[in-house]
Amino acid sequence: MSAFMIATITVKDPAKFQTYLAETQKVAAPYGAKLLLRGMADKVLTGETADHGMVVIVEFPSLEKIDQWYASDAYRPLIPLRDAGSDMTITSYQVIE
């Protein structure tokens, strides 16, 4: 069953962040990752003001594939680039039927 990785992002260094995105897409592809959305926040319709400007939603075949990608030897070296380019919260979600 599909699972989703959602990242809320505040970009600090656009050049480093763009490099991180490009490299992460390459690294995640072998785990079945499919980018569904990369978008900028427009407005809060209800609730508290969003403290981030961007969201990324990626579909994976399973939670196990998300965990494998995140713990992979290929992704780990990208973490310093991620942290230099952005403040990010990454959360995995399982589909509830």
PDB file of N, CA and C in Angstrom:
ATOM      1  N   MET A   1       0.834  -1.172   0.000  1.00  0.00           N
ATOM      2  CA  MET A   1       0.000   0.000   0.000  1.00  0.00           C
ATOM      3  C   MET A   1       0.886   1.244   0.000  1.00  0.00           C
ATOM      4  N   SER A   2       0.477   2.243  -0.731  1.00  0.00           N
ATOM      5  CA  SER A   2       1.260   3.479  -0.838  1.00  0.00           C
ATOM      6  C   SER A   2       1.443   4.158   0.508  1.00  0.00           C
ATOM      7  N   ALA A   3       2.548   4.878   0.616  1.00  0.00           N
ATOM      8  CA  ALA A   3       2.851   5.718   1.765  1.00  0.00           C
ATOM      9  C   ALA A   3       3.378   7.041   1.222  1.00  0.00           C
ATOM     10  N   PHE A   4       3.321   8.056   2.047  1.00  0.00           N
ATOM     11  CA  PHE A   4       3.697   9.381   1.597  1.00  0.00           C
ATOM     12  C   PHE A   4       4.717  10.011   2.536  1.00  0.00           C
ATOM     13  N   MET A   5       5.644  10.733   1.953  1.00  0.00           N
ATOM     14  CA  MET A   5       6.621  11.518   2.681  1.00  0.00           C
ATOM     15  C   MET A   5       6.253  12.969   2.394  1.00  0.00           C
ATOM     16  N   ILE A   6       6.007  13.717   3.461  1.00  0.00           N
ATOM     17  CA  ILE A   6       5.663  15.129   3.321  1.00  0.00           C
ATOM     18  C   ILE A   6       6.717  15.944   4.053  1.00  0.00           C
ATOM     19  N   ALA A   7       7.289  16.893   3.342  1.00  0.00           N
ATOM     20  CA  ALA A   7       8.298  17.780   3.924  1.00  0.00           C
ATOM     21  C   ALA A   7       7.766  19.205   3.915  1.00  0.00           C
ATOM     22  N   THR A   8       7.842  19.862   5.063  1.00  0.00           N
ATOM     23  CA  THR A   8       7.546  21.287   5.138  1.00  0.00           C
ATOM     24  C   THR A   8       8.889  21.995   5.240  1.00  0.00           C
ATOM     25  N   ILE A   9       9.042  23.054   4.459  1.00  0.00           N
ATOM     26  CA  ILE A   9      10.378  23.595   4.201  1.00  0.00           C
ATOM     27  C   ILE A   9      10.398  25.119   4.269  1.00  0.00           C
ATOM     28  N   THR A  10      11.441  25.633   4.901  1.00  0.00           N
ATOM     29  CA  THR A  10      11.804  27.041   4.803  1.00  0.00           C
ATOM     30  C   THR A  10      13.182  27.074   4.153  1.00  0.00           C
ATOM     31  N   VAL A  11      13.265  27.656   2.980  1.00  0.00           N
ATOM     32  CA  VAL A  11      14.523  27.696   2.234  1.00  0.00           C
ATOM     33  C   VAL A  11      15.415  28.789   2.814  1.00  0.00           C
ATOM     34  N   LYS A  12      16.672  28.423   3.121  1.00  0.00           N
ATOM     35  CA  LYS A  12      17.669  29.369   3.642  1.00  0.00           C
ATOM     36  C   LYS A  12      18.667  29.774   2.571  1.00  0.00           C
ATOM     37  N   ASP A  13      19.049  28.828   1.728  1.00  0.00           N
ATOM     38  CA  ASP A  13      20.025  29.057   0.661  1.00  0.00           C
ATOM     39  C   ASP A  13      19.476  28.408  -0.600  1.00  0.00           C
ATOM     40  N   PRO A  14      18.879  29.202  -1.499  1.00  0.00           N
ATOM     41  CA  PRO A  14      18.219  28.629  -2.670  1.00  0.00           C
ATOM     42  C   PRO A  14      19.117  27.740  -3.539  1.00  0.00           C
ATOM     43  N   ALA A  15      20.376  28.114  -3.734  1.00  0.00           N
ATOM     44  CA  ALA A  15      21.265  27.318  -4.585  1.00  0.00           C
ATOM     45  C   ALA A  15      21.527  25.946  -3.962  1.00  0.00           C
ATOM     46  N   LYS A  16      21.841  25.925  -2.686  1.00  0.00           N
ATOM     47  CA  LYS A  16      22.089  24.645  -2.013  1.00  0.00           C
ATOM     48  C   LYS A  16      20.819  23.804  -1.969  1.00  0.00           C
ATOM     49  N   PHE A  17      19.691  24.462  -1.748  1.00  0.00           N
ATOM     50  CA  PHE A  17      18.434  23.730  -1.686  1.00  0.00           C
ATOM     51  C   PHE A  17      18.099  23.097  -3.037  1.00  0.00           C
ATOM     52  N   GLN A  18      18.303  23.801  -4.127  1.00  0.00           N
ATOM     53  CA  GLN A  18      18.031  23.253  -5.457  1.00  0.00           C
ATOM     54  C   GLN A  18      18.938  22.060  -5.745  1.00  0.00           C
ATOM     55  N   THR A  19      20.197  22.142  -5.335  1.00  0.00           N
ATOM     56  CA  THR A  19      21.114  21.011  -5.500  1.00  0.00           C
ATOM     57  C   THR A  19      20.624  19.822  -4.685  1.00  0.00           C
ATOM     58  N   TYR A  20      20.213  20.080  -3.444  1.00  0.00           N
ATOM     59  CA  TYR A  20      19.675  19.010  -2.592  1.00  0.00           C
ATOM     60  C   TYR A  20      18.462  18.346  -3.250  1.00  0.00           C
ATOM     61  N   LEU A  21      17.529  19.142  -3.761  1.00  0.00           N
ATOM     62  CA  LEU A  21      16.333  18.575  -4.403  1.00  0.00           C
ATOM     63  C   LEU A  21      16.698  17.680  -5.579  1.00  0.00           C
ATOM     64  N   ALA A  22      17.576  18.161  -6.428  1.00  0.00           N
ATOM     65  CA  ALA A  22      17.964  17.386  -7.616  1.00  0.00           C
ATOM     66  C   ALA A  22      18.627  16.075  -7.219  1.00  0.00           C
ATOM     67  N   GLU A  23      19.541  16.131  -6.266  1.00  0.00           N
ATOM     68  CA  GLU A  23      20.245  14.915  -5.839  1.00  0.00           C
ATOM     69  C   GLU A  23      19.313  13.946  -5.108  1.00  0.00           C
ATOM     70  N   THR A  24      18.420  14.494  -4.291  1.00  0.00           N
ATOM     71  CA  THR A  24      17.488  13.642  -3.549  1.00  0.00           C
ATOM     72  C   THR A  24      16.553  12.900  -4.492  1.00  0.00           C
ATOM     73  N   GLN A  25      16.091  13.554  -5.543  1.00  0.00           N
ATOM     74  CA  GLN A  25      15.222  12.884  -6.507  1.00  0.00           C
ATOM     75  C   GLN A  25      15.939  11.695  -7.151  1.00  0.00           C
ATOM     76  N   LYS A  26      17.211  11.866  -7.472  1.00  0.00           N
ATOM     77  CA  LYS A  26      17.987  10.769  -8.061  1.00  0.00           C
ATOM     78  C   LYS A  26      18.124   9.610  -7.078  1.00  0.00           C
ATOM     79  N   VAL A  27      18.404   9.950  -5.819  1.00  0.00           N
ATOM     80  CA  VAL A  27      18.633   8.939  -4.786  1.00  0.00           C
ATOM     81  C   VAL A  27      17.335   8.205  -4.430  1.00  0.00           C
ATOM     82  N   ALA A  28      16.212   8.906  -4.451  1.00  0.00           N
ATOM     83  CA  ALA A  28      14.934   8.312  -4.054  1.00  0.00           C
ATOM     84  C   ALA A  28      14.307   7.461  -5.148  1.00  0.00           C
ATOM     85  N   ALA A  29      14.648   7.708  -6.399  1.00  0.00           N
ATOM     86  CA  ALA A  29      14.032   6.980  -7.519  1.00  0.00           C
ATOM     87  C   ALA A  29      14.129   5.456  -7.384  1.00  0.00           C
ATOM     88  N   PRO A  30      15.268   4.885  -6.990  1.00  0.00           N
ATOM     89  CA  PRO A  30      15.345   3.428  -6.860  1.00  0.00           C
ATOM     90  C   PRO A  30      14.413   2.843  -5.787  1.00  0.00           C
ATOM     91  N   TYR A  31      13.881   3.691  -4.917  1.00  0.00           N
ATOM     92  CA  TYR A  31      12.960   3.241  -3.870  1.00  0.00           C
ATOM     93  C   TYR A  31      11.505   3.441  -4.278  1.00  0.00           C
ATOM     94  N   GLY A  32      11.287   3.763  -5.549  1.00  0.00           N
ATOM     95  CA  GLY A  32       9.933   3.914  -6.075  1.00  0.00           C
ATOM     96  C   GLY A  32       9.302   5.258  -5.793  1.00  0.00           C
ATOM     97  N   ALA A  33      10.108   6.253  -5.449  1.00  0.00           N
ATOM     98  CA  ALA A  33       9.583   7.578  -5.122  1.00  0.00           C
ATOM     99  C   ALA A  33       8.989   8.253  -6.347  1.00  0.00           C
ATOM    100  N   LYS A  34       7.844   8.890  -6.127  1.00  0.00           N
ATOM    101  CA  LYS A  34       7.170   9.634  -7.193  1.00  0.00           C
ATOM    102  C   LYS A  34       6.796  11.003  -6.628  1.00  0.00           C
ATOM    103  N   LEU A  35       7.416  12.061  -7.145  1.00  0.00           N
ATOM    104  CA  LEU A  35       7.122  13.421  -6.702  1.00  0.00           C
ATOM    105  C   LEU A  35       5.703  13.785  -7.120  1.00  0.00           C
ATOM    106  N   LEU A  36       4.847  14.105  -6.151  1.00  0.00           N
ATOM    107  CA  LEU A  36       3.469  14.487  -6.444  1.00  0.00           C
ATOM    108  C   LEU A  36       3.268  15.989  -6.417  1.00  0.00           C
ATOM    109  N   LEU A  37       3.996  16.677  -5.533  1.00  0.00           N
ATOM    110  CA  LEU A  37       3.795  18.113  -5.392  1.00  0.00           C
ATOM    111  C   LEU A  37       5.037  18.761  -4.814  1.00  0.00           C
ATOM    112  N   ARG A  38       5.420  19.857  -5.402  1.00  0.00           N
ATOM    113  CA  ARG A  38       6.380  20.791  -4.811  1.00  0.00           C
ATOM    114  C   ARG A  38       5.720  22.143  -4.986  1.00  0.00           C
ATOM    115  N   GLY A  39       5.276  22.736  -3.879  1.00  0.00           N
ATOM    116  CA  GLY A  39       4.506  23.966  -3.988  1.00  0.00           C
ATOM    117  C   GLY A  39       4.822  24.958  -2.893  1.00  0.00           C
ATOM    118  N   MET A  40       4.495  26.191  -3.179  1.00  0.00           N
ATOM    119  CA  MET A  40       4.686  27.288  -2.242  1.00  0.00           C
ATOM    120  C   MET A  40       3.362  27.547  -1.526  1.00  0.00           C
ATOM    121  N   ALA A  41       3.450  27.857  -0.230  1.00  0.00           N
ATOM    122  CA  ALA A  41       2.259  28.176   0.553  1.00  0.00           C
ATOM    123  C   ALA A  41       1.613  29.447   0.003  1.00  0.00           C
ATOM    124  N   ASP A  42       0.301  29.444  -0.102  1.00  0.00           N
ATOM    125  CA  ASP A  42      -0.444  30.606  -0.574  1.00  0.00           C
ATOM    126  C   ASP A  42      -1.062  31.343   0.601  1.00  0.00           C
ATOM    127  N   LYS A  43      -1.957  30.670   1.327  1.00  0.00           N
ATOM    128  CA  LYS A  43      -2.587  31.286   2.487  1.00  0.00           C
ATOM    129  C   LYS A  43      -3.128  30.206   3.401  1.00  0.00           C
ATOM    130  N   VAL A  44      -3.267  30.524   4.667  1.00  0.00           N
ATOM    131  CA  VAL A  44      -3.840  29.610   5.641  1.00  0.00           C
ATOM    132  C   VAL A  44      -5.350  29.791   5.594  1.00  0.00           C
ATOM    133  N   LEU A  45      -6.060  28.713   5.344  1.00  0.00           N
ATOM    134  CA  LEU A  45      -7.513  28.791   5.264  1.00  0.00           C
ATOM    135  C   LEU A  45      -8.172  28.625   6.631  1.00  0.00           C
ATOM    136  N   THR A  46      -7.532  27.885   7.507  1.00  0.00           N
ATOM    137  CA  THR A  46      -8.012  27.741   8.880  1.00  0.00           C
ATOM    138  C   THR A  46      -6.836  27.353   9.761  1.00  0.00           C
ATOM    139  N   GLY A  47      -6.897  27.688  11.034  1.00  0.00           N
ATOM    140  CA  GLY A  47      -5.821  27.318  11.943  1.00  0.00           C
ATOM    141  C   GLY A  47      -4.746  28.376  12.035  1.00  0.00           C
ATOM    142  N   GLU A  48      -3.593  27.939  12.524  1.00  0.00           N
ATOM    143  CA  GLU A  48      -2.460  28.827  12.756  1.00  0.00           C
ATOM    144  C   GLU A  48      -1.749  29.168  11.447  1.00  0.00           C
ATOM    145  N   THR A  49      -1.036  30.265  11.470  1.00  0.00           N
ATOM    146  CA  THR A  49      -0.238  30.672  10.323  1.00  0.00           C
ATOM    147  C   THR A  49       0.856  29.636  10.064  1.00  0.00           C
ATOM    148  N   ALA A  50       1.040  29.270   8.831  1.00  0.00           N
ATOM    149  CA  ALA A  50       2.086  28.317   8.456  1.00  0.00           C
ATOM    150  C   ALA A  50       3.450  28.944   8.718  1.00  0.00           C
ATOM    151  N   ASP A  51       4.364  28.159   9.307  1.00  0.00           N
ATOM    152  CA  ASP A  51       5.703  28.680   9.583  1.00  0.00           C
ATOM    153  C   ASP A  51       6.711  28.228   8.534  1.00  0.00           C
ATOM    154  N   HIS A  52       6.230  27.754   7.410  1.00  0.00           N
ATOM    155  CA  HIS A  52       7.092  27.324   6.312  1.00  0.00           C
ATOM    156  C   HIS A  52       6.540  27.901   5.014  1.00  0.00           C
ATOM    157  N   GLY A  53       7.373  27.938   3.998  1.00  0.00           N
ATOM    158  CA  GLY A  53       6.944  28.509   2.731  1.00  0.00           C
ATOM    159  C   GLY A  53       6.692  27.487   1.640  1.00  0.00           C
ATOM    160  N   MET A  54       7.184  26.265   1.839  1.00  0.00           N
ATOM    161  CA  MET A  54       7.106  25.266   0.771  1.00  0.00           C
ATOM    162  C   MET A  54       6.737  23.915   1.361  1.00  0.00           C
ATOM    163  N   VAL A  55       6.090  23.107   0.534  1.00  0.00           N
ATOM    164  CA  VAL A  55       5.797  21.728   0.902  1.00  0.00           C
ATOM    165  C   VAL A  55       6.160  20.830  -0.282  1.00  0.00           C
ATOM    166  N   VAL A  56       6.663  19.640   0.052  1.00  0.00           N
ATOM    167  CA  VAL A  56       6.954  18.624  -0.957  1.00  0.00           C
ATOM    168  C   VAL A  56       6.232  17.350  -0.518  1.00  0.00           C
ATOM    169  N   ILE A  57       5.497  16.747  -1.454  1.00  0.00           N
ATOM    170  CA  ILE A  57       4.801  15.487  -1.177  1.00  0.00           C
ATOM    171  C   ILE A  57       5.317  14.449  -2.168  1.00  0.00           C
ATOM    172  N   VAL A  58       5.805  13.329  -1.621  1.00  0.00           N
ATOM    173  CA  VAL A  58       6.359  12.255  -2.439  1.00  0.00           C
ATOM    174  C   VAL A  58       5.650  10.957  -2.075  1.00  0.00           C
ATOM    175  N   GLU A  59       5.214  10.225  -3.087  1.00  0.00           N
ATOM    176  CA  GLU A  59       4.593   8.924  -2.875  1.00  0.00           C
ATOM    177  C   GLU A  59       5.650   7.831  -3.004  1.00  0.00           C
ATOM    178  N   PHE A  60       5.614   6.882  -2.076  1.00  0.00           N
ATOM    179  CA  PHE A  60       6.466   5.700  -2.103  1.00  0.00           C
ATOM    180  C   PHE A  60       5.570   4.465  -2.108  1.00  0.00           C
ATOM    181  N   PRO A  61       6.073   3.322  -2.524  1.00  0.00           N
ATOM    182  CA  PRO A  61       5.261   2.104  -2.518  1.00  0.00           C
ATOM    183  C   PRO A  61       4.870   1.635  -1.114  1.00  0.00           C
ATOM    184  N   SER A  62       5.655   2.008  -0.092  1.00  0.00           N
ATOM    185  CA  SER A  62       5.380   1.540   1.272  1.00  0.00           C
ATOM    186  C   SER A  62       6.170   2.377   2.277  1.00  0.00           C
ATOM    187  N   LEU A  63       5.785   2.262   3.550  1.00  0.00           N
ATOM    188  CA  LEU A  63       6.559   2.918   4.609  1.00  0.00           C
ATOM    189  C   LEU A  63       7.970   2.353   4.673  1.00  0.00           C
ATOM    190  N   GLU A  64       8.110   1.062   4.407  1.00  0.00           N
ATOM    191  CA  GLU A  64       9.425   0.428   4.429  1.00  0.00           C
ATOM    192  C   GLU A  64      10.355   1.059   3.399  1.00  0.00           C
ATOM    193  N   LYS A  65       9.822   1.392   2.231  1.00  0.00           N
ATOM    194  CA  LYS A  65      10.648   2.026   1.191  1.00  0.00           C
ATOM    195  C   LYS A  65      11.078   3.437   1.613  1.00  0.00           C
ATOM    196  N   ILE A  66      10.198   4.161   2.303  1.00  0.00           N
ATOM    197  CA  ILE A  66      10.591   5.480   2.821  1.00  0.00           C
ATOM    198  C   ILE A  66      11.740   5.318   3.805  1.00  0.00           C
ATOM    199  N   ASP A  67      11.589   4.366   4.729  1.00  0.00           N
ATOM    200  CA  ASP A  67      12.637   4.139   5.732  1.00  0.00           C
ATOM    201  C   ASP A  67      13.950   3.709   5.086  1.00  0.00           C
ATOM    202  N   GLN A  68      13.873   2.851   4.073  1.00  0.00           N
ATOM    203  CA  GLN A  68      15.081   2.397   3.376  1.00  0.00           C
ATOM    204  C   GLN A  68      15.767   3.565   2.682  1.00  0.00           C
ATOM    205  N   TRP A  69      14.994   4.408   1.999  1.00  0.00           N
ATOM    206  CA  TRP A  69      15.564   5.582   1.331  1.00  0.00           C
ATOM    207  C   TRP A  69      16.226   6.504   2.351  1.00  0.00           C
ATOM    208  N   TYR A  70      15.516   6.829   3.441  1.00  0.00           N
ATOM    209  CA  TYR A  70      16.028   7.786   4.415  1.00  0.00           C
ATOM    210  C   TYR A  70      17.300   7.285   5.098  1.00  0.00           C
ATOM    211  N   ALA A  71      17.400   5.976   5.306  1.00  0.00           N
ATOM    212  CA  ALA A  71      18.574   5.392   5.980  1.00  0.00           C
ATOM    213  C   ALA A  71      19.674   4.974   5.010  1.00  0.00           C
ATOM    214  N   SER A  72      19.472   5.187   3.728  1.00  0.00           N
ATOM    215  CA  SER A  72      20.406   4.675   2.719  1.00  0.00           C
ATOM    216  C   SER A  72      21.752   5.389   2.736  1.00  0.00           C
ATOM    217  N   ASP A  73      22.772   4.658   2.309  1.00  0.00           N
ATOM    218  CA  ASP A  73      24.118   5.223   2.175  1.00  0.00           C
ATOM    219  C   ASP A  73      24.143   6.340   1.141  1.00  0.00           C
ATOM    220  N   ALA A  74      23.222   6.313   0.179  1.00  0.00           N
ATOM    221  CA  ALA A  74      23.177   7.349  -0.854  1.00  0.00           C
ATOM    222  C   ALA A  74      22.552   8.640  -0.333  1.00  0.00           C
ATOM    223  N   TYR A  75      21.550   8.531   0.571  1.00  0.00           N
ATOM    224  CA  TYR A  75      20.890   9.743   1.069  1.00  0.00           C
ATOM    225  C   TYR A  75      21.674  10.418   2.201  1.00  0.00           C
ATOM    226  N   ARG A  76      22.274   9.646   3.061  1.00  0.00           N
ATOM    227  CA  ARG A  76      22.949  10.195   4.240  1.00  0.00           C
ATOM    228  C   ARG A  76      23.906  11.354   3.922  1.00  0.00           C
ATOM    229  N   PRO A  77      24.723  11.279   2.871  1.00  0.00           N
ATOM    230  CA  PRO A  77      25.629  12.399   2.569  1.00  0.00           C
ATOM    231  C   PRO A  77      24.914  13.691   2.147  1.00  0.00           C
ATOM    232  N   LEU A  78      23.628  13.592   1.793  1.00  0.00           N
ATOM    233  CA  LEU A  78      22.876  14.775   1.384  1.00  0.00           C
ATOM    234  C   LEU A  78      22.318  15.559   2.569  1.00  0.00           C
ATOM    235  N   ILE A  79      22.334  14.971   3.756  1.00  0.00           N
ATOM    236  CA  ILE A  79      21.746  15.624   4.925  1.00  0.00           C
ATOM    237  C   ILE A  79      22.431  16.953   5.252  1.00  0.00           C
ATOM    238  N   PRO A  80      23.763  17.067   5.242  1.00  0.00           N
ATOM    239  CA  PRO A  80      24.377  18.387   5.494  1.00  0.00           C
ATOM    240  C   PRO A  80      23.968  19.431   4.453  1.00  0.00           C
ATOM    241  N   LEU A  81      23.815  19.028   3.207  1.00  0.00           N
ATOM    242  CA  LEU A  81      23.370  19.938   2.159  1.00  0.00           C
ATOM    243  C   LEU A  81      21.931  20.376   2.427  1.00  0.00           C
ATOM    244  N   ARG A  82      21.070  19.427   2.828  1.00  0.00           N
ATOM    245  CA  ARG A  82      19.687  19.737   3.198  1.00  0.00           C
ATOM    246  C   ARG A  82      19.656  20.768   4.313  1.00  0.00           C
ATOM    247  N   ASP A  83      20.449  20.523   5.356  1.00  0.00           N
ATOM    248  CA  ASP A  83      20.440  21.408   6.516  1.00  0.00           C
ATOM    249  C   ASP A  83      21.036  22.783   6.218  1.00  0.00           C
ATOM    250  N   ALA A  84      21.996  22.847   5.306  1.00  0.00           N
ATOM    251  CA  ALA A  84      22.580  24.135   4.913  1.00  0.00           C
ATOM    252  C   ALA A  84      21.622  24.930   4.036  1.00  0.00           C
ATOM    253  N   GLY A  85      20.825  24.236   3.249  1.00  0.00           N
ATOM    254  CA  GLY A  85      19.934  24.913   2.310  1.00  0.00           C
ATOM    255  C   GLY A  85      18.554  25.210   2.832  1.00  0.00           C
ATOM    256  N   SER A  86      18.157  24.541   3.944  1.00  0.00           N
ATOM    257  CA  SER A  86      16.777  24.701   4.400  1.00  0.00           C
ATOM    258  C   SER A  86      16.605  24.290   5.853  1.00  0.00           C
ATOM    259  N   ASP A  87      15.499  24.730   6.415  1.00  0.00           N
ATOM    260  CA  ASP A  87      14.977  24.177   7.651  1.00  0.00           C
ATOM    261  C   ASP A  87      13.818  23.293   7.201  1.00  0.00           C
ATOM    262  N   MET A  88      13.834  22.021   7.575  1.00  0.00           N
ATOM    263  CA  MET A  88      12.876  21.087   7.015  1.00  0.00           C
ATOM    264  C   MET A  88      12.362  20.130   8.075  1.00  0.00           C
ATOM    265  N   THR A  89      11.072  19.850   7.999  1.00  0.00           N
ATOM    266  CA  THR A  89      10.466  18.778   8.783  1.00  0.00           C
ATOM    267  C   THR A  89       9.982  17.737   7.796  1.00  0.00           C
ATOM    268  N   ILE A  90      10.424  16.492   7.977  1.00  0.00           N
ATOM    269  CA  ILE A  90      10.033  15.399   7.089  1.00  0.00           C
ATOM    270  C   ILE A  90       9.212  14.409   7.912  1.00  0.00           C
ATOM    271  N   THR A  91       8.036  14.062   7.412  1.00  0.00           N
ATOM    272  CA  THR A  91       7.139  13.141   8.099  1.00  0.00           C
ATOM    273  C   THR A  91       6.654  12.096   7.113  1.00  0.00           C
ATOM    274  N   SER A  92       6.585  10.842   7.572  1.00  0.00           N
ATOM    275  CA  SER A  92       6.011   9.790   6.714  1.00  0.00           C
ATOM    276  C   SER A  92       4.584   9.516   7.156  1.00  0.00           C
ATOM    277  N   TYR A  93       3.741   9.159   6.177  1.00  0.00           N
ATOM    278  CA  TYR A  93       2.325   8.905   6.419  1.00  0.00           C
ATOM    279  C   TYR A  93       1.909   7.621   5.737  1.00  0.00           C
ATOM    280  N   GLN A  94       1.156   6.816   6.455  1.00  0.00           N
ATOM    281  CA  GLN A  94       0.566   5.603   5.898  1.00  0.00           C
ATOM    282  C   GLN A  94      -0.872   5.920   5.501  1.00  0.00           C
ATOM    283  N   VAL A  95      -1.295   5.385   4.387  1.00  0.00           N
ATOM    284  CA  VAL A  95      -2.674   5.578   3.912  1.00  0.00           C
ATOM    285  C   VAL A  95      -3.618   4.776   4.790  1.00  0.00           C
ATOM    286  N   ILE A  96      -4.709   5.413   5.211  1.00  0.00           N
ATOM    287  CA  ILE A  96      -5.754   4.738   5.979  1.00  0.00           C
ATOM    288  C   ILE A  96      -6.935   4.521   5.048  1.00  0.00           C
ATOM    289  N   GLU A  97      -7.379   3.306   4.960  1.00  0.00           N
ATOM    290  CA  GLU A  97      -8.518   3.019   4.066  1.00  0.00           C
ATOM    291  C   GLU A  97      -9.802   2.957   4.840  1.00  0.00           C
TER     292      GLU A  97
END
